[in-house]
Amino acid sequence: SVIAIVALAIVFVAGLFVVGFDQGHIFSLVYGEEAFKELY
């Protein structure tokens, strides 16, 4: 189904962002500027 393909594509892109490009952006929503320093 198209819904399954779209769901897997979203999971893939989110995982790629987390592994490859996140430099504190995700946790900055909760921790603010500290997340950019700690890079959890």
All heavy atoms as atom14 arrays in JSON, in Angstrom:
{
  "sequence": "SVIAIVALAIVFVAGLFVVGFDQGHIFSLVYGEEAFKELY",
  "atom14_mask": [
    [1, 1, 1, 1, 1, 1, 0, 0, 0, 0, 0, 0, 0, 0],
    [1, 1, 1, 1, 1, 1, 1, 0, 0, 0, 0, 0, 0, 0],
    [1, 1, 1, 1, 1, 1, 1, 1, 0, 0, 0, 0, 0, 0],
    [1, 1, 1, 1, 1, 0, 0, 0, 0, 0, 0, 0, 0, 0],
    [1, 1, 1, 1, 1, 1, 1, 1, 0, 0, 0, 0, 0, 0],
    [1, 1, 1, 1, 1, 1, 1, 0, 0, 0, 0, 0, 0, 0],
    [1, 1, 1, 1, 1, 0, 0, 0, 0, 0, 0, 0, 0, 0],
    [1, 1, 1, 1, 1, 1, 1, 1, 0, 0, 0, 0, 0, 0],
    [1, 1, 1, 1, 1, 0, 0, 0, 0, 0, 0, 0, 0, 0],
    [1, 1, 1, 1, 1, 1, 1, 1, 0, 0, 0, 0, 0, 0],
    [1, 1, 1, 1, 1, 1, 1, 0, 0, 0, 0, 0, 0, 0],
    [1, 1, 1, 1, 1, 1, 1, 1, 1, 1, 1, 0, 0, 0],
    [1, 1, 1, 1, 1, 1, 1, 0, 0, 0, 0, 0, 0, 0],
    [1, 1, 1, 1, 1, 0, 0, 0, 0, 0, 0, 0, 0, 0],
    [1, 1, 1, 1, 0, 0, 0, 0, 0, 0, 0, 0, 0, 0],
    [1, 1, 1, 1, 1, 1, 1, 1, 0, 0, 0, 0, 0, 0],
    [1, 1, 1, 1, 1, 1, 1, 1, 1, 1, 1, 0, 0, 0],
    [1, 1, 1, 1, 1, 1, 1, 0, 0, 0, 0, 0, 0, 0],
    [1, 1, 1, 1, 1, 1, 1, 0, 0, 0, 0, 0, 0, 0],
    [1, 1, 1, 1, 0, 0, 0, 0, 0, 0, 0, 0, 0, 0],
    [1, 1, 1, 1, 1, 1, 1, 1, 1, 1, 1, 0, 0, 0],
    [1, 1, 1, 1, 1, 1, 1, 1, 0, 0, 0, 0, 0, 0],
    [1, 1, 1, 1, 1, 1, 1, 1, 1, 0, 0, 0, 0, 0],
    [1, 1, 1, 1, 0, 0, 0, 0, 0, 0, 0, 0, 0, 0],
    [1, 1, 1, 1, 1, 1, 1, 1, 1, 1, 0, 0, 0, 0],
    [1, 1, 1, 1, 1, 1, 1, 1, 0, 0, 0, 0, 0, 0],
    [1, 1, 1, 1, 1, 1, 1, 1, 1, 1, 1, 0, 0, 0],
    [1, 1, 1, 1, 1, 1, 0, 0, 0, 0, 0, 0, 0, 0],
    [1, 1, 1, 1, 1, 1, 1, 1, 0, 0, 0, 0, 0, 0],
    [1, 1, 1, 1, 1, 1, 1, 0, 0, 0, 0, 0, 0, 0],
    [1, 1, 1, 1, 1, 1, 1, 1, 1, 1, 1, 1, 0, 0],
    [1, 1, 1, 1, 0, 0, 0, 0, 0, 0, 0, 0, 0, 0],
    [1, 1, 1, 1, 1, 1, 1, 1, 1, 0, 0, 0, 0, 0],
    [1, 1, 1, 1, 1, 1, 1, 1, 1, 0, 0, 0, 0, 0],
    [1, 1, 1, 1, 1, 0, 0, 0, 0, 0, 0, 0, 0, 0],
    [1, 1, 1, 1, 1, 1, 1, 1, 1, 1, 1, 0, 0, 0],
    [1, 1, 1, 1, 1, 1, 1, 1, 1, 0, 0, 0, 0, 0],
    [1, 1, 1, 1, 1, 1, 1, 1, 1, 0, 0, 0, 0, 0],
    [1, 1, 1, 1, 1, 1, 1, 1, 0, 0, 0, 0, 0, 0],
    [1, 1, 1, 1, 1, 1, 1, 1, 1, 1, 1, 1, 0, 0]
  ],
  "atom14_positions": [
    [[0.83, -1.21, 0.0], [0.0, 0.0, 0.0], [0.86, 1.26, 0.0], [2.0, 1.26, 0.48], [-0.93, 0.01, 1.21], [-0.19, 0.24, 2.38], [0.0, 0.0, 0.0], [0.0, 0.0, 0.0], [0.0, 0.0, 0.0], [0.0, 0.0, 0.0], [0.0, 0.0, 0.0], [0.0, 0.0, 0.0], [0.0, 0.0, 0.0], [0.0, 0.0, 0.0]],
    [[0.32, 2.29, -0.53], [1.01, 3.58, -0.6], [1.25, 4.11, 0.81], [2.3, 4.71, 1.08], [0.19, 4.57, -1.45], [0.82, 5.95, -1.43], [0.06, 4.07, -2.87], [0.0, 0.0, 0.0], [0.0, 0.0, 0.0], [0.0, 0.0, 0.0], [0.0, 0.0, 0.0], [0.0, 0.0, 0.0], [0.0, 0.0, 0.0], [0.0, 0.0, 0.0]],
    [[0.31, 3.87, 1.7], [0.46, 4.35, 3.08], [1.68, 3.71, 3.74], [2.44, 4.38, 4.44], [-0.81, 4.07, 3.89], [-1.97, 4.88, 3.32], [-0.61, 4.37, 5.36], [-3.31, 4.54, 3.9], [0.0, 0.0, 0.0], [0.0, 0.0, 0.0], [0.0, 0.0, 0.0], [0.0, 0.0, 0.0], [0.0, 0.0, 0.0], [0.0, 0.0, 0.0]],
    [[1.9, 2.42, 3.49], [3.06, 1.73, 4.07], [4.36, 2.3, 3.52], [5.33, 2.5, 4.26], [2.98, 0.24, 3.79], [0.0, 0.0, 0.0], [0.0, 0.0, 0.0], [0.0, 0.0, 0.0], [0.0, 0.0, 0.0], [0.0, 0.0, 0.0], [0.0, 0.0, 0.0], [0.0, 0.0, 0.0], [0.0, 0.0, 0.0], [0.0, 0.0, 0.0]],
    [[4.39, 2.59, 2.24], [5.6, 3.15, 1.63], [5.88, 4.54, 2.18], [7.02, 4.87, 2.51], [5.46, 3.18, 0.09], [5.43, 1.75, -0.44], [6.58, 3.98, -0.54], [5.12, 1.65, -1.91], [0.0, 0.0, 0.0], [0.0, 0.0, 0.0], [0.0, 0.0, 0.0], [0.0, 0.0, 0.0], [0.0, 0.0, 0.0], [0.0, 0.0, 0.0]],
    [[4.85, 5.35, 2.32], [5.02, 6.7, 2.87], [5.48, 6.62, 4.33], [6.39, 7.36, 4.73], [3.71, 7.51, 2.74], [3.78, 8.8, 3.52], [3.41, 7.78, 1.29], [0.0, 0.0, 0.0], [0.0, 0.0, 0.0], [0.0, 0.0, 0.0], [0.0, 0.0, 0.0], [0.0, 0.0, 0.0], [0.0, 0.0, 0.0], [0.0, 0.0, 0.0]],
    [[4.9, 5.72, 5.11], [5.29, 5.58, 6.52], [6.76, 5.16, 6.63], [7.51, 5.71, 7.44], [4.39, 4.57, 7.22], [0.0, 0.0, 0.0], [0.0, 0.0, 0.0], [0.0, 0.0, 0.0], [0.0, 0.0, 0.0], [0.0, 0.0, 0.0], [0.0, 0.0, 0.0], [0.0, 0.0, 0.0], [0.0, 0.0, 0.0], [0.0, 0.0, 0.0]],
    [[7.19, 4.2, 5.82], [8.58, 3.77, 5.85], [9.52, 4.87, 5.38], [10.64, 5.01, 5.9], [8.77, 2.52, 5.0], [8.2, 1.24, 5.6], [8.29, 0.1, 4.59], [8.9, 0.88, 6.88], [0.0, 0.0, 0.0], [0.0, 0.0, 0.0], [0.0, 0.0, 0.0], [0.0, 0.0, 0.0], [0.0, 0.0, 0.0], [0.0, 0.0, 0.0]],
    [[9.11, 5.65, 4.41], [9.93, 6.76, 3.94], [10.11, 7.81, 5.04], [11.21, 8.34, 5.23], [9.32, 7.4, 2.7], [0.0, 0.0, 0.0], [0.0, 0.0, 0.0], [0.0, 0.0, 0.0], [0.0, 0.0, 0.0], [0.0, 0.0, 0.0], [0.0, 0.0, 0.0], [0.0, 0.0, 0.0], [0.0, 0.0, 0.0], [0.0, 0.0, 0.0]],
    [[9.05, 8.08, 5.78], [9.13, 9.04, 6.89], [10.07, 8.53, 7.97], [10.91, 9.28, 8.49], [7.73, 9.35, 7.44], [6.94, 10.16, 6.43], [7.81, 10.09, 8.78], [5.48, 10.33, 6.76], [0.0, 0.0, 0.0], [0.0, 0.0, 0.0], [0.0, 0.0, 0.0], [0.0, 0.0, 0.0], [0.0, 0.0, 0.0], [0.0, 0.0, 0.0]],
    [[9.96, 7.25, 8.31], [10.85, 6.66, 9.32], [12.3, 6.71, 8.84], [13.21, 7.03, 9.62], [10.42, 5.21, 9.63], [11.47, 4.48, 10.45], [9.08, 5.2, 10.34], [0.0, 0.0, 0.0], [0.0, 0.0, 0.0], [0.0, 0.0, 0.0], [0.0, 0.0, 0.0], [0.0, 0.0, 0.0], [0.0, 0.0, 0.0], [0.0, 0.0, 0.0]],
    [[12.53, 6.42, 7.56], [13.88, 6.46, 7.01], [14.47, 7.86, 7.08], [15.62, 8.05, 7.5], [13.88, 5.96, 5.57], [15.21, 6.08, 4.9], [16.23, 5.19, 5.18], [15.45, 7.1, 3.99], [17.46, 5.32, 4.57], [16.68, 7.23, 3.38], [17.69, 6.33, 3.67], [0.0, 0.0, 0.0], [0.0, 0.0, 0.0], [0.0, 0.0, 0.0]],
    [[13.71, 8.85, 6.66], [14.2, 10.23, 6.66], [14.46, 10.71, 8.09], [15.47, 11.36, 8.35], [13.22, 11.16, 5.9], [13.56, 12.62, 6.11], [13.21, 10.82, 4.43], [0.0, 0.0, 0.0], [0.0, 0.0, 0.0], [0.0, 0.0, 0.0], [0.0, 0.0, 0.0], [0.0, 0.0, 0.0], [0.0, 0.0, 0.0], [0.0, 0.0, 0.0]],
    [[13.56, 10.38, 9.0], [13.77, 10.77, 10.41], [15.02, 10.11, 10.97], [15.83, 10.75, 11.65], [12.55, 10.41, 11.24], [0.0, 0.0, 0.0], [0.0, 0.0, 0.0], [0.0, 0.0, 0.0], [0.0, 0.0, 0.0], [0.0, 0.0, 0.0], [0.0, 0.0, 0.0], [0.0, 0.0, 0.0], [0.0, 0.0, 0.0], [0.0, 0.0, 0.0]],
    [[15.22, 8.83, 10.67], [16.42, 8.13, 11.15], [17.68, 8.69, 10.53], [18.71, 8.83, 11.21], [0.0, 0.0, 0.0], [0.0, 0.0, 0.0], [0.0, 0.0, 0.0], [0.0, 0.0, 0.0], [0.0, 0.0, 0.0], [0.0, 0.0, 0.0], [0.0, 0.0, 0.0], [0.0, 0.0, 0.0], [0.0, 0.0, 0.0], [0.0, 0.0, 0.0]],
    [[17.62, 9.02, 9.26], [18.78, 9.61, 8.6], [19.13, 10.95, 9.22], [20.31, 11.26, 9.45], [18.49, 9.78, 7.1], [19.62, 10.34, 6.25], [20.76, 9.34, 6.19], [19.11, 10.64, 4.86], [0.0, 0.0, 0.0], [0.0, 0.0, 0.0], [0.0, 0.0, 0.0], [0.0, 0.0, 0.0], [0.0, 0.0, 0.0], [0.0, 0.0, 0.0]],
    [[18.13, 11.75, 9.55], [18.38, 13.03, 10.19], [19.01, 12.84, 11.57], [20.0, 13.5, 11.91], [17.1, 13.85, 10.33], [17.28, 15.12, 11.12], [17.9, 16.21, 10.55], [16.89, 15.18, 12.44], [18.11, 17.37, 11.27], [17.09, 16.34, 13.18], [17.7, 17.43, 12.6], [0.0, 0.0, 0.0], [0.0, 0.0, 0.0], [0.0, 0.0, 0.0]],
    [[18.45, 11.92, 12.35], [18.95, 11.7, 13.71], [20.39, 11.23, 13.68], [21.25, 11.72, 14.4], [18.06, 10.7, 14.46], [18.72, 10.24, 15.74], [16.72, 11.32, 14.77], [0.0, 0.0, 0.0], [0.0, 0.0, 0.0], [0.0, 0.0, 0.0], [0.0, 0.0, 0.0], [0.0, 0.0, 0.0], [0.0, 0.0, 0.0], [0.0, 0.0, 0.0]],
    [[20.69, 10.25, 12.83], [22.05, 9.69, 12.79], [23.02, 10.62, 12.1], [24.15, 10.81, 12.56], [22.04, 8.31, 12.09], [23.45, 7.81, 11.87], [21.25, 7.31, 12.91], [0.0, 0.0, 0.0], [0.0, 0.0, 0.0], [0.0, 0.0, 0.0], [0.0, 0.0, 0.0], [0.0, 0.0, 0.0], [0.0, 0.0, 0.0], [0.0, 0.0, 0.0]],
    [[22.62, 11.25, 11.01], [23.57, 11.97, 10.2], [23.7, 13.45, 10.43], [24.77, 14.01, 10.26], [0.0, 0.0, 0.0], [0.0, 0.0, 0.0], [0.0, 0.0, 0.0], [0.0, 0.0, 0.0], [0.0, 0.0, 0.0], [0.0, 0.0, 0.0], [0.0, 0.0, 0.0], [0.0, 0.0, 0.0], [0.0, 0.0, 0.0], [0.0, 0.0, 0.0]],
    [[22.62, 14.1, 10.84], [22.66, 15.55, 10.83], [22.31, 16.24, 12.14], [22.51, 17.44, 12.26], [21.73, 16.08, 9.73], [22.12, 15.6, 8.37], [21.37, 14.61, 7.74], [23.23, 16.09, 7.72], [21.72, 14.14, 6.49], [23.59, 15.64, 6.47], [22.84, 14.65, 5.85], [0.0, 0.0, 0.0], [0.0, 0.0, 0.0], [0.0, 0.0, 0.0]],
    [[21.74, 15.5, 13.09], [21.31, 16.16, 14.32], [22.51, 16.66, 15.11], [23.44, 15.91, 15.39], [20.5, 15.21, 15.19], [20.01, 15.92, 16.44], [19.28, 16.9, 16.3], [20.39, 15.49, 17.55], [0.0, 0.0, 0.0], [0.0, 0.0, 0.0], [0.0, 0.0, 0.0], [0.0, 0.0, 0.0], [0.0, 0.0, 0.0], [0.0, 0.0, 0.0]],
    [[22.51, 17.91, 15.45], [23.54, 18.52, 16.28], [22.9, 19.21, 17.49], [23.31, 20.29, 17.88], [24.34, 19.54, 15.46], [25.12, 18.94, 14.33], [26.31, 18.13, 14.8], [26.86, 18.38, 15.86], [26.68, 17.15, 14.02], [0.0, 0.0, 0.0], [0.0, 0.0, 0.0], [0.0, 0.0, 0.0], [0.0, 0.0, 0.0], [0.0, 0.0, 0.0]],
    [[21.89, 18.58, 18.03], [21.19, 19.14, 19.17], [19.83, 19.71, 18.84], [19.13, 20.21, 19.72], [0.0, 0.0, 0.0], [0.0, 0.0, 0.0], [0.0, 0.0, 0.0], [0.0, 0.0, 0.0], [0.0, 0.0, 0.0], [0.0, 0.0, 0.0], [0.0, 0.0, 0.0], [0.0, 0.0, 0.0], [0.0, 0.0, 0.0], [0.0, 0.0, 0.0]],
    [[19.43, 19.62, 17.59], [18.17, 20.23, 17.17], [16.95, 19.58, 17.81], [16.01, 20.27, 18.18], [18.03, 20.17, 15.65], [19.1, 20.92, 14.95], [20.25, 20.31, 14.52], [19.21, 22.22, 14.62], [21.02, 21.2, 13.94], [20.42, 22.38, 13.98], [0.0, 0.0, 0.0], [0.0, 0.0, 0.0], [0.0, 0.0, 0.0], [0.0, 0.0, 0.0]],
    [[16.95, 18.27, 17.93], [15.78, 17.57, 18.47], [15.58, 17.91, 19.94], [14.49, 18.29, 20.36], [15.92, 16.06, 18.26], [15.85, 15.76, 16.76], [14.81, 15.3, 19.0], [16.1, 14.33, 16.4], [0.0, 0.0, 0.0], [0.0, 0.0, 0.0], [0.0, 0.0, 0.0], [0.0, 0.0, 0.0], [0.0, 0.0, 0.0], [0.0, 0.0, 0.0]],
    [[16.62, 17.77, 20.74], [16.49, 18.04, 22.17], [16.45, 19.53, 22.49], [16.15, 19.91, 23.61], [17.6, 17.38, 22.97], [17.38, 15.91, 23.19], [18.44, 15.02, 23.25], [16.1, 15.39, 23.35], [18.25, 13.68, 23.46], [15.89, 14.05, 23.56], [16.96, 13.19, 23.62], [0.0, 0.0, 0.0], [0.0, 0.0, 0.0], [0.0, 0.0, 0.0]],
    [[16.76, 20.39, 21.53], [16.69, 21.82, 21.8], [15.26, 22.27, 22.06], [15.04, 23.3, 22.7], [17.29, 22.62, 20.66], [16.47, 22.54, 19.51], [0.0, 0.0, 0.0], [0.0, 0.0, 0.0], [0.0, 0.0, 0.0], [0.0, 0.0, 0.0], [0.0, 0.0, 0.0], [0.0, 0.0, 0.0], [0.0, 0.0, 0.0], [0.0, 0.0, 0.0]],
    [[14.3, 21.5, 21.57], [12.9, 21.82, 21.86], [12.6, 21.7, 23.35], [11.73, 22.4, 23.87], [11.97, 20.89, 21.07], [12.13, 20.94, 19.55], [11.31, 19.84, 18.91], [11.73, 22.29, 19.03], [0.0, 0.0, 0.0], [0.0, 0.0, 0.0], [0.0, 0.0, 0.0], [0.0, 0.0, 0.0], [0.0, 0.0, 0.0], [0.0, 0.0, 0.0]],
    [[13.32, 20.83, 24.04], [13.09, 20.6, 25.47], [14.14, 21.31, 26.32], [13.81, 21.99, 27.28], [13.11, 19.08, 25.78], [12.93, 18.83, 27.26], [12.05, 18.36, 24.97], [0.0, 0.0, 0.0], [0.0, 0.0, 0.0], [0.0, 0.0, 0.0], [0.0, 0.0, 0.0], [0.0, 0.0, 0.0], [0.0, 0.0, 0.0], [0.0, 0.0, 0.0]],
    [[15.42, 21.16, 25.95], [16.51, 21.67, 26.78], [17.01, 23.05, 26.37], [17.85, 23.62, 27.06], [17.69, 20.69, 26.74], [17.39, 19.38, 27.4], [17.34, 18.21, 26.66], [17.15, 19.3, 28.75], [17.06, 17.0, 27.25], [16.88, 18.1, 29.36], [16.83, 16.94, 28.6], [16.55, 15.75, 29.2], [0.0, 0.0, 0.0], [0.0, 0.0, 0.0]],
    [[16.57, 23.56, 25.27], [17.0, 24.88, 24.83], [18.43, 24.87, 24.32], [18.88, 23.93, 23.69], [0.0, 0.0, 0.0], [0.0, 0.0, 0.0], [0.0, 0.0, 0.0], [0.0, 0.0, 0.0], [0.0, 0.0, 0.0], [0.0, 0.0, 0.0], [0.0, 0.0, 0.0], [0.0, 0.0, 0.0], [0.0, 0.0, 0.0], [0.0, 0.0, 0.0]],
    [[19.16, 25.93, 24.6], [20.52, 26.1, 24.09], [21.49, 25.07, 24.65], [22.51, 24.77, 24.04], [21.03, 27.51, 24.42], [20.33, 28.59, 23.63], [20.59, 28.47, 22.14], [21.73, 28.17, 21.73], [19.63, 28.68, 21.38], [0.0, 0.0, 0.0], [0.0, 0.0, 0.0], [0.0, 0.0, 0.0], [0.0, 0.0, 0.0], [0.0, 0.0, 0.0]],
    [[21.2, 24.5, 25.8], [22.08, 23.5, 26.41], [22.22, 22.26, 25.5], [23.28, 21.63, 25.47], [21.53, 23.06, 27.77], [22.39, 22.03, 28.45], [21.76, 21.55, 29.75], [20.91, 22.25, 30.3], [22.17, 20.47, 30.2], [0.0, 0.0, 0.0], [0.0, 0.0, 0.0], [0.0, 0.0, 0.0], [0.0, 0.0, 0.0], [0.0, 0.0, 0.0]],
    [[21.18, 21.94, 24.75], [21.22, 20.77, 23.87], [22.27, 20.93, 22.78], [22.88, 19.95, 22.35], [19.85, 20.53, 23.25], [0.0, 0.0, 0.0], [0.0, 0.0, 0.0], [0.0, 0.0, 0.0], [0.0, 0.0, 0.0], [0.0, 0.0, 0.0], [0.0, 0.0, 0.0], [0.0, 0.0, 0.0], [0.0, 0.0, 0.0], [0.0, 0.0, 0.0]],
    [[22.51, 22.15, 22.32], [23.53, 22.38, 21.3], [24.94, 22.22, 21.86], [25.88, 21.94, 21.13], [23.36, 23.76, 20.67], [22.09, 23.9, 19.87], [21.06, 24.68, 20.33], [21.94, 23.23, 18.67], [19.89, 24.81, 19.6], [20.77, 23.35, 17.93], [19.74, 24.14, 18.4], [0.0, 0.0, 0.0], [0.0, 0.0, 0.0], [0.0, 0.0, 0.0]],
    [[25.09, 22.4, 23.16], [26.4, 22.21, 23.8], [26.65, 20.76, 24.14], [27.75, 20.26, 24.0], [26.48, 23.05, 25.07], [26.4, 24.53, 24.83], [26.39, 25.28, 26.14], [26.0, 26.72, 25.92], [25.7, 27.41, 27.17], [0.0, 0.0, 0.0], [0.0, 0.0, 0.0], [0.0, 0.0, 0.0], [0.0, 0.0, 0.0], [0.0, 0.0, 0.0]],
    [[25.63, 20.05, 24.62], [25.79, 18.68, 25.1], [25.75, 17.64, 23.98], [26.41, 16.61, 24.08], [24.71, 18.35, 26.13], [24.78, 19.2, 27.37], [26.07, 19.01, 28.14], [26.61, 17.88, 28.17], [26.55, 20.0, 28.72], [0.0, 0.0, 0.0], [0.0, 0.0, 0.0], [0.0, 0.0, 0.0], [0.0, 0.0, 0.0], [0.0, 0.0, 0.0]],
    [[25.0, 17.88, 22.91], [24.91, 16.98, 21.76], [24.6, 15.54, 22.16], [25.32, 14.6, 21.84], [26.2, 17.02, 20.94], [26.59, 18.37, 20.37], [27.94, 18.29, 19.71], [25.55, 18.86, 19.39], [0.0, 0.0, 0.0], [0.0, 0.0, 0.0], [0.0, 0.0, 0.0], [0.0, 0.0, 0.0], [0.0, 0.0, 0.0], [0.0, 0.0, 0.0]],
    [[23.49, 15.33, 22.86], [23.13, 14.02, 23.4], [23.03, 12.96, 22.3], [23.65, 11.9, 22.39], [21.79, 14.09, 24.14], [21.81, 15.01, 25.33], [21.02, 16.16, 25.35], [22.59, 14.74, 26.43], [21.03, 17.01, 26.44], [22.61, 15.58, 27.53], [21.83, 16.71, 27.53], [21.84, 17.54, 28.6], [0.0, 0.0, 0.0], [0.0, 0.0, 0.0]]
  ]
}
